[in-house]
Amino acid sequence: MPIIINLDVQLAKKKMSVTDFAAAIDITPANVSVLKNGRAKAVRFTTLDAICRVLDCQPGDILEWVPDDHPAAADGAGLEAGAGA
């Protein structure tokens, strides 16, 4: 059950760099990259809250569920249960 993270879209809308975004939500640029590239295993609610607050968006604006048989699921991008940012 992959979850796709559409963080790039929201960052582009706000014209915000990864470095500025990372500083604003108090995580490292490397962890922002993990989120953007769909390699995160999980996202803490506090991190999700900070993302939504800084980008002035709803969780559904950056998180998208796709069924296992959807072509995007084959990419391996997204979140799965486990440790994370």
PDB file of N, CA and C in Angstrom:
ATOM      1  N   MET A   1       0.828  -1.177   0.000  1.00  0.00           N
ATOM      2  CA  MET A   1       0.000   0.000   0.000  1.00  0.00           C
ATOM      3  C   MET A   1       0.878   1.248   0.000  1.00  0.00           C
ATOM      4  N   PRO A   2       1.363   1.625  -1.140  1.00  0.00           N
ATOM      5  CA  PRO A   2       2.271   2.771  -1.214  1.00  0.00           C
ATOM      6  C   PRO A   2       1.564   4.109  -1.006  1.00  0.00           C
ATOM      7  N   ILE A   3       2.282   4.973  -0.350  1.00  0.00           N
ATOM      8  CA  ILE A   3       1.865   6.356  -0.188  1.00  0.00           C
ATOM      9  C   ILE A   3       2.892   7.193  -0.950  1.00  0.00           C
ATOM     10  N   ILE A   4       2.431   7.994  -1.890  1.00  0.00           N
ATOM     11  CA  ILE A   4       3.307   8.846  -2.677  1.00  0.00           C
ATOM     12  C   ILE A   4       3.390  10.207  -1.991  1.00  0.00           C
ATOM     13  N   ILE A   5       4.597  10.747  -1.896  1.00  0.00           N
ATOM     14  CA  ILE A   5       4.799  12.056  -1.286  1.00  0.00           C
ATOM     15  C   ILE A   5       5.010  13.074  -2.397  1.00  0.00           C
ATOM     16  N   ASN A   6       4.110  14.038  -2.486  1.00  0.00           N
ATOM     17  CA  ASN A   6       4.180  15.080  -3.508  1.00  0.00           C
ATOM     18  C   ASN A   6       4.729  16.376  -2.913  1.00  0.00           C
ATOM     19  N   LEU A   7       5.857  16.280  -2.262  1.00  0.00           N
ATOM     20  CA  LEU A   7       6.449  17.434  -1.591  1.00  0.00           C
ATOM     21  C   LEU A   7       6.999  18.445  -2.593  1.00  0.00           C
ATOM     22  N   ASP A   8       7.559  17.972  -3.707  1.00  0.00           N
ATOM     23  CA  ASP A   8       8.125  18.868  -4.722  1.00  0.00           C
ATOM     24  C   ASP A   8       7.102  19.879  -5.218  1.00  0.00           C
ATOM     25  N   VAL A   9       5.876  19.418  -5.412  1.00  0.00           N
ATOM     26  CA  VAL A   9       4.819  20.291  -5.927  1.00  0.00           C
ATOM     27  C   VAL A   9       4.579  21.452  -4.967  1.00  0.00           C
ATOM     28  N   GLN A  10       4.455  21.132  -3.687  1.00  0.00           N
ATOM     29  CA  GLN A  10       4.182  22.172  -2.691  1.00  0.00           C
ATOM     30  C   GLN A  10       5.377  23.110  -2.515  1.00  0.00           C
ATOM     31  N   LEU A  11       6.595  22.564  -2.560  1.00  0.00           N
ATOM     32  CA  LEU A  11       7.780  23.419  -2.457  1.00  0.00           C
ATOM     33  C   LEU A  11       7.856  24.370  -3.646  1.00  0.00           C
ATOM     34  N   ALA A  12       7.539  23.879  -4.835  1.00  0.00           N
ATOM     35  CA  ALA A  12       7.554  24.727  -6.034  1.00  0.00           C
ATOM     36  C   ALA A  12       6.499  25.825  -5.936  1.00  0.00           C
ATOM     37  N   LYS A  13       5.318  25.476  -5.435  1.00  0.00           N
ATOM     38  CA  LYS A  13       4.255  26.482  -5.285  1.00  0.00           C
ATOM     39  C   LYS A  13       4.690  27.616  -4.362  1.00  0.00           C
ATOM     40  N   LYS A  14       5.421  27.260  -3.317  1.00  0.00           N
ATOM     41  CA  LYS A  14       5.883  28.261  -2.347  1.00  0.00           C
ATOM     42  C   LYS A  14       7.229  28.865  -2.743  1.00  0.00           C
ATOM     43  N   LYS A  15       7.817  28.355  -3.834  1.00  0.00           N
ATOM     44  CA  LYS A  15       9.135  28.811  -4.299  1.00  0.00           C
ATOM     45  C   LYS A  15      10.146  28.749  -3.163  1.00  0.00           C
ATOM     46  N   MET A  16      10.162  27.599  -2.493  1.00  0.00           N
ATOM     47  CA  MET A  16      11.010  27.408  -1.327  1.00  0.00           C
ATOM     48  C   MET A  16      12.085  26.373  -1.637  1.00  0.00           C
ATOM     49  N   SER A  17      13.314  26.673  -1.256  1.00  0.00           N
ATOM     50  CA  SER A  17      14.411  25.728  -1.463  1.00  0.00           C
ATOM     51  C   SER A  17      14.364  24.639  -0.398  1.00  0.00           C
ATOM     52  N   VAL A  18      15.020  23.533  -0.690  1.00  0.00           N
ATOM     53  CA  VAL A  18      15.100  22.432   0.268  1.00  0.00           C
ATOM     54  C   VAL A  18      15.801  22.902   1.539  1.00  0.00           C
ATOM     55  N   THR A  19      16.850  23.689   1.393  1.00  0.00           N
ATOM     56  CA  THR A  19      17.598  24.176   2.554  1.00  0.00           C
ATOM     57  C   THR A  19      16.723  25.051   3.447  1.00  0.00           C
ATOM     58  N   ASP A  20      15.997  25.986   2.838  1.00  0.00           N
ATOM     59  CA  ASP A  20      15.111  26.858   3.618  1.00  0.00           C
ATOM     60  C   ASP A  20      13.981  26.060   4.265  1.00  0.00           C
ATOM     61  N   PHE A  21      13.431  25.116   3.510  1.00  0.00           N
ATOM     62  CA  PHE A  21      12.351  24.281   4.026  1.00  0.00           C
ATOM     63  C   PHE A  21      12.833  23.443   5.210  1.00  0.00           C
ATOM     64  N   ALA A  22      14.001  22.829   5.062  1.00  0.00           N
ATOM     65  CA  ALA A  22      14.558  22.002   6.137  1.00  0.00           C
ATOM     66  C   ALA A  22      14.747  22.823   7.409  1.00  0.00           C
ATOM     67  N   ALA A  23      15.272  24.030   7.257  1.00  0.00           N
ATOM     68  CA  ALA A  23      15.472  24.895   8.424  1.00  0.00           C
ATOM     69  C   ALA A  23      14.133  25.273   9.058  1.00  0.00           C
ATOM     70  N   ALA A  24      13.133  25.526   8.230  1.00  0.00           N
ATOM     71  CA  ALA A  24      11.823  25.949   8.733  1.00  0.00           C
ATOM     72  C   ALA A  24      11.112  24.850   9.512  1.00  0.00           C
ATOM     73  N   ILE A  25      11.327  23.583   9.117  1.00  0.00           N
ATOM     74  CA  ILE A  25      10.652  22.487   9.825  1.00  0.00           C
ATOM     75  C   ILE A  25      11.590  21.757  10.781  1.00  0.00           C
ATOM     76  N   ASP A  26      12.819  22.263  10.889  1.00  0.00           N
ATOM     77  CA  ASP A  26      13.799  21.756  11.853  1.00  0.00           C
ATOM     78  C   ASP A  26      14.180  20.294  11.626  1.00  0.00           C
ATOM     79  N   ILE A  27      14.440  19.942  10.357  1.00  0.00           N
ATOM     80  CA  ILE A  27      15.049  18.651  10.038  1.00  0.00           C
ATOM     81  C   ILE A  27      16.197  18.916   9.073  1.00  0.00           C
ATOM     82  N   THR A  28      17.043  17.939   8.858  1.00  0.00           N
ATOM     83  CA  THR A  28      18.194  18.135   7.982  1.00  0.00           C
ATOM     84  C   THR A  28      17.768  18.124   6.516  1.00  0.00           C
ATOM     85  N   PRO A  29      18.527  18.810   5.661  1.00  0.00           N
ATOM     86  CA  PRO A  29      18.245  18.734   4.222  1.00  0.00           C
ATOM     87  C   PRO A  29      18.283  17.291   3.708  1.00  0.00           C
ATOM     88  N   ALA A  30      19.129  16.455   4.305  1.00  0.00           N
ATOM     89  CA  ALA A  30      19.188  15.044   3.900  1.00  0.00           C
ATOM     90  C   ALA A  30      17.861  14.347   4.182  1.00  0.00           C
ATOM     91  N   ASN A  31      17.241  14.652   5.318  1.00  0.00           N
ATOM     92  CA  ASN A  31      15.942  14.044   5.628  1.00  0.00           C
ATOM     93  C   ASN A  31      14.834  14.579   4.730  1.00  0.00           C
ATOM     94  N   VAL A  32      14.924  15.843   4.328  1.00  0.00           N
ATOM     95  CA  VAL A  32      13.958  16.374   3.354  1.00  0.00           C
ATOM     96  C   VAL A  32      14.109  15.609   2.040  1.00  0.00           C
ATOM     97  N   SER A  33      15.346  15.345   1.652  1.00  0.00           N
ATOM     98  CA  SER A  33      15.600  14.578   0.429  1.00  0.00           C
ATOM     99  C   SER A  33      14.999  13.184   0.514  1.00  0.00           C
ATOM    100  N   VAL A  34      15.113  12.549   1.662  1.00  0.00           N
ATOM    101  CA  VAL A  34      14.514  11.225   1.867  1.00  0.00           C
ATOM    102  C   VAL A  34      13.003  11.302   1.678  1.00  0.00           C
ATOM    103  N   LEU A  35      12.387  12.331   2.214  1.00  0.00           N
ATOM    104  CA  LEU A  35      10.941  12.515   2.044  1.00  0.00           C
ATOM    105  C   LEU A  35      10.588  12.758   0.580  1.00  0.00           C
ATOM    106  N   LYS A  36      11.320  13.668  -0.061  1.00  0.00           N
ATOM    107  CA  LYS A  36      11.032  14.028  -1.451  1.00  0.00           C
ATOM    108  C   LYS A  36      11.183  12.845  -2.395  1.00  0.00           C
ATOM    109  N   ASN A  37      12.171  11.999  -2.128  1.00  0.00           N
ATOM    110  CA  ASN A  37      12.458  10.882  -3.026  1.00  0.00           C
ATOM    111  C   ASN A  37      11.671   9.625  -2.701  1.00  0.00           C
ATOM    112  N   GLY A  38      10.788   9.705  -1.707  1.00  0.00           N
ATOM    113  CA  GLY A  38       9.933   8.574  -1.387  1.00  0.00           C
ATOM    114  C   GLY A  38      10.641   7.430  -0.685  1.00  0.00           C
ATOM    115  N   ARG A  39      11.762   7.720  -0.039  1.00  0.00           N
ATOM    116  CA  ARG A  39      12.507   6.665   0.654  1.00  0.00           C
ATOM    117  C   ARG A  39      12.183   6.591   2.144  1.00  0.00           C
ATOM    118  N   ALA A  40      11.329   7.495   2.624  1.00  0.00           N
ATOM    119  CA  ALA A  40      10.972   7.497   4.049  1.00  0.00           C
ATOM    120  C   ALA A  40      10.108   6.289   4.365  1.00  0.00           C
ATOM    121  N   LYS A  41      10.333   5.694   5.508  1.00  0.00           N
ATOM    122  CA  LYS A  41       9.520   4.563   5.959  1.00  0.00           C
ATOM    123  C   LYS A  41       8.316   5.030   6.756  1.00  0.00           C
ATOM    124  N   ALA A  42       8.411   6.230   7.327  1.00  0.00           N
ATOM    125  CA  ALA A  42       7.318   6.791   8.127  1.00  0.00           C
ATOM    126  C   ALA A  42       7.562   8.280   8.299  1.00  0.00           C
ATOM    127  N   VAL A  43       6.535   8.982   8.718  1.00  0.00           N
ATOM    128  CA  VAL A  43       6.648  10.405   9.026  1.00  0.00           C
ATOM    129  C   VAL A  43       5.960  10.637  10.361  1.00  0.00           C
ATOM    130  N   ARG A  44       6.661  11.271  11.286  1.00  0.00           N
ATOM    131  CA  ARG A  44       6.057  11.593  12.577  1.00  0.00           C
ATOM    132  C   ARG A  44       4.970  12.644  12.380  1.00  0.00           C
ATOM    133  N   PHE A  45       3.954  12.586  13.218  1.00  0.00           N
ATOM    134  CA  PHE A  45       2.895  13.588  13.141  1.00  0.00           C
ATOM    135  C   PHE A  45       3.444  14.987  13.399  1.00  0.00           C
ATOM    136  N   THR A  46       4.440  15.108  14.272  1.00  0.00           N
ATOM    137  CA  THR A  46       5.017  16.429  14.529  1.00  0.00           C
ATOM    138  C   THR A  46       5.703  16.973  13.278  1.00  0.00           C
ATOM    139  N   THR A  47       6.354  16.087  12.519  1.00  0.00           N
ATOM    140  CA  THR A  47       6.990  16.500  11.266  1.00  0.00           C
ATOM    141  C   THR A  47       5.931  16.864  10.239  1.00  0.00           C
ATOM    142  N   LEU A  48       4.884  16.053  10.135  1.00  0.00           N
ATOM    143  CA  LEU A  48       3.796  16.334   9.201  1.00  0.00           C
ATOM    144  C   LEU A  48       3.126  17.663   9.553  1.00  0.00           C
ATOM    145  N   ASP A  49       2.937  17.911  10.842  1.00  0.00           N
ATOM    146  CA  ASP A  49       2.364  19.179  11.295  1.00  0.00           C
ATOM    147  C   ASP A  49       3.242  20.348  10.856  1.00  0.00           C
ATOM    148  N   ALA A  50       4.546  20.230  11.053  1.00  0.00           N
ATOM    149  CA  ALA A  50       5.468  21.304  10.668  1.00  0.00           C
ATOM    150  C   ALA A  50       5.457  21.524   9.159  1.00  0.00           C
ATOM    151  N   ILE A  51       5.432  20.436   8.387  1.00  0.00           N
ATOM    152  CA  ILE A  51       5.382  20.540   6.926  1.00  0.00           C
ATOM    153  C   ILE A  51       4.134  21.307   6.503  1.00  0.00           C
ATOM    154  N   CYS A  52       2.995  20.912   7.033  1.00  0.00           N
ATOM    155  CA  CYS A  52       1.725  21.551   6.660  1.00  0.00           C
ATOM    156  C   CYS A  52       1.674  23.009   7.103  1.00  0.00           C
ATOM    157  N   ARG A  53       2.229  23.287   8.272  1.00  0.00           N
ATOM    158  CA  ARG A  53       2.234  24.662   8.775  1.00  0.00           C
ATOM    159  C   ARG A  53       3.092  25.554   7.881  1.00  0.00           C
ATOM    160  N   VAL A  54       4.297  25.095   7.550  1.00  0.00           N
ATOM    161  CA  VAL A  54       5.225  25.893   6.743  1.00  0.00           C
ATOM    162  C   VAL A  54       4.725  26.057   5.310  1.00  0.00           C
ATOM    163  N   LEU A  55       4.166  24.992   4.744  1.00  0.00           N
ATOM    164  CA  LEU A  55       3.698  25.051   3.357  1.00  0.00           C
ATOM    165  C   LEU A  55       2.250  25.519   3.249  1.00  0.00           C
ATOM    166  N   ASP A  56       1.600  25.744   4.389  1.00  0.00           N
ATOM    167  CA  ASP A  56       0.203  26.182   4.423  1.00  0.00           C
ATOM    168  C   ASP A  56      -0.664  25.259   3.563  1.00  0.00           C
ATOM    169  N   CYS A  57      -0.600  23.964   3.898  1.00  0.00           N
ATOM    170  CA  CYS A  57      -1.347  22.972   3.130  1.00  0.00           C
ATOM    171  C   CYS A  57      -1.936  21.919   4.070  1.00  0.00           C
ATOM    172  N   GLN A  58      -2.713  21.037   3.512  1.00  0.00           N
ATOM    173  CA  GLN A  58      -3.294  19.913   4.240  1.00  0.00           C
ATOM    174  C   GLN A  58      -2.458  18.663   3.965  1.00  0.00           C
ATOM    175  N   PRO A  59      -2.476  17.666   4.867  1.00  0.00           N
ATOM    176  CA  PRO A  59      -1.731  16.428   4.607  1.00  0.00           C
ATOM    177  C   PRO A  59      -2.067  15.808   3.247  1.00  0.00           C
ATOM    178  N   GLY A  60      -3.327  15.891   2.847  1.00  0.00           N
ATOM    179  CA  GLY A  60      -3.730  15.327   1.559  1.00  0.00           C
ATOM    180  C   GLY A  60      -3.141  16.050   0.360  1.00  0.00           C
ATOM    181  N   ASP A  61      -2.606  17.246   0.579  1.00  0.00           N
ATOM    182  CA  ASP A  61      -1.948  17.967  -0.508  1.00  0.00           C
ATOM    183  C   ASP A  61      -0.571  17.390  -0.811  1.00  0.00           C
ATOM    184  N   ILE A  62       0.014  16.693   0.165  1.00  0.00           N
ATOM    185  CA  ILE A  62       1.354  16.141  -0.055  1.00  0.00           C
ATOM    186  C   ILE A  62       1.402  14.620  -0.011  1.00  0.00           C
ATOM    187  N   LEU A  63       0.393  13.986   0.584  1.00  0.00           N
ATOM    188  CA  LEU A  63       0.356  12.527   0.670  1.00  0.00           C
ATOM    189  C   LEU A  63      -0.745  11.982  -0.220  1.00  0.00           C
ATOM    190  N   GLU A  64      -0.411  10.965  -1.004  1.00  0.00           N
ATOM    191  CA  GLU A  64      -1.386  10.354  -1.910  1.00  0.00           C
ATOM    192  C   GLU A  64      -1.261   8.835  -1.824  1.00  0.00           C
ATOM    193  N   TRP A  65      -2.357   8.162  -1.526  1.00  0.00           N
ATOM    194  CA  TRP A  65      -2.373   6.703  -1.489  1.00  0.00           C
ATOM    195  C   TRP A  65      -2.670   6.175  -2.882  1.00  0.00           C
ATOM    196  N   VAL A  66      -1.909   5.156  -3.302  1.00  0.00           N
ATOM    197  CA  VAL A  66      -2.195   4.481  -4.571  1.00  0.00           C
ATOM    198  C   VAL A  66      -2.263   2.986  -4.307  1.00  0.00           C
ATOM    199  N   PRO A  67      -3.157   2.270  -4.996  1.00  0.00           N
ATOM    200  CA  PRO A  67      -3.249   0.825  -4.797  1.00  0.00           C
ATOM    201  C   PRO A  67      -1.971   0.123  -5.255  1.00  0.00           C
ATOM    202  N   ASP A  68      -1.750  -1.073  -4.727  1.00  0.00           N
ATOM    203  CA  ASP A  68      -0.550  -1.839  -5.069  1.00  0.00           C
ATOM    204  C   ASP A  68      -0.406  -2.093  -6.559  1.00  0.00           C
ATOM    205  N   ASP A  69      -1.521  -2.221  -7.282  1.00  0.00           N
ATOM    206  CA  ASP A  69      -1.439  -2.530  -8.707  1.00  0.00           C
ATOM    207  C   ASP A  69      -1.339  -1.279  -9.585  1.00  0.00           C
ATOM    208  N   HIS A  70      -1.237  -0.109  -8.988  1.00  0.00           N
ATOM    209  CA  HIS A  70      -1.102   1.146  -9.730  1.00  0.00           C
ATOM    210  C   HIS A  70       0.347   1.277 -10.218  1.00  0.00           C
ATOM    211  N   PRO A  71       0.576   1.817 -11.418  1.00  0.00           N
ATOM    212  CA  PRO A  71       1.948   1.947 -11.928  1.00  0.00           C
ATOM    213  C   PRO A  71       2.886   2.708 -10.993  1.00  0.00           C
ATOM    214  N   ALA A  72       2.386   3.703 -10.285  1.00  0.00           N
ATOM    215  CA  ALA A  72       3.236   4.461  -9.360  1.00  0.00           C
ATOM    216  C   ALA A  72       3.724   3.592  -8.212  1.00  0.00           C
ATOM    217  N   ALA A  73       2.988   2.547  -7.871  1.00  0.00           N
ATOM    218  CA  ALA A  73       3.382   1.652  -6.783  1.00  0.00           C
ATOM    219  C   ALA A  73       4.623   0.864  -7.155  1.00  0.00           C
ATOM    220  N   ALA A  74       4.822   0.604  -8.422  1.00  0.00           N
ATOM    221  CA  ALA A  74       5.973  -0.165  -8.878  1.00  0.00           C
ATOM    222  C   ALA A  74       7.273   0.603  -8.702  1.00  0.00           C
ATOM    223  N   ASP A  75       7.188   1.934  -8.591  1.00  0.00           N
ATOM    224  CA  ASP A  75       8.382   2.757  -8.420  1.00  0.00           C
ATOM    225  C   ASP A  75       9.059   2.508  -7.080  1.00  0.00           C
ATOM    226  N   GLY A  76       8.294   1.999  -6.116  1.00  0.00           N
ATOM    227  CA  GLY A  76       8.826   1.829  -4.778  1.00  0.00           C
ATOM    228  C   GLY A  76       8.845   3.129  -4.000  1.00  0.00           C
ATOM    229  N   ALA A  77       8.306   4.186  -4.584  1.00  0.00           N
ATOM    230  CA  ALA A  77       8.271   5.479  -3.909  1.00  0.00           C
ATOM    231  C   ALA A  77       7.172   5.469  -2.870  1.00  0.00           C
ATOM    232  N   GLY A  78       7.422   6.136  -1.763  1.00  0.00           N
ATOM    233  CA  GLY A  78       6.357   6.286  -0.791  1.00  0.00           C
ATOM    234  C   GLY A  78       6.751   5.910   0.609  1.00  0.00           C
ATOM    235  N   LEU A  79       5.761   5.790   1.444  1.00  0.00           N
ATOM    236  CA  LEU A  79       5.952   5.486   2.854  1.00  0.00           C
ATOM    237  C   LEU A  79       5.469   4.092   3.163  1.00  0.00           C
ATOM    238  N   GLU A  80       6.125   3.459   4.083  1.00  0.00           N
ATOM    239  CA  GLU A  80       5.677   2.172   4.595  1.00  0.00           C
ATOM    240  C   GLU A  80       5.841   2.210   6.102  1.00  0.00           C
ATOM    241  N   ALA A  81       5.258   1.276   6.789  1.00  0.00           N
ATOM    242  CA  ALA A  81       5.369   1.238   8.248  1.00  0.00           C
ATOM    243  C   ALA A  81       6.825   1.061   8.650  1.00  0.00           C
ATOM    244  N   GLY A  82       7.231   1.735   9.703  1.00  0.00           N
ATOM    245  CA  GLY A  82       8.593   1.595  10.192  1.00  0.00           C
ATOM    246  C   GLY A  82       9.097   2.911  10.737  1.00  0.00           C
ATOM    247  N   ALA A  83      10.399   3.004  10.960  1.00  0.00           N
ATOM    248  CA  ALA A  83      11.003   4.216  11.491  1.00  0.00           C
ATOM    249  C   ALA A  83      11.089   5.262  10.401  1.00  0.00           C
ATOM    250  N   GLY A  84      11.141   6.536  10.803  1.00  0.00           N
ATOM    251  CA  GLY A  84      11.214   7.560   9.772  1.00  0.00           C
ATOM    252  C   GLY A  84      11.548   8.928  10.290  1.00  0.00           C
ATOM    253  N   ALA A  85      11.300   9.903   9.434  1.00  0.00           N
ATOM    254  CA  ALA A  85      11.675  11.291   9.693  1.00  0.00           C
ATOM    255  C   ALA A  85      10.850  11.912  10.793  1.00  0.00           C
TER     256      ALA A  85
END
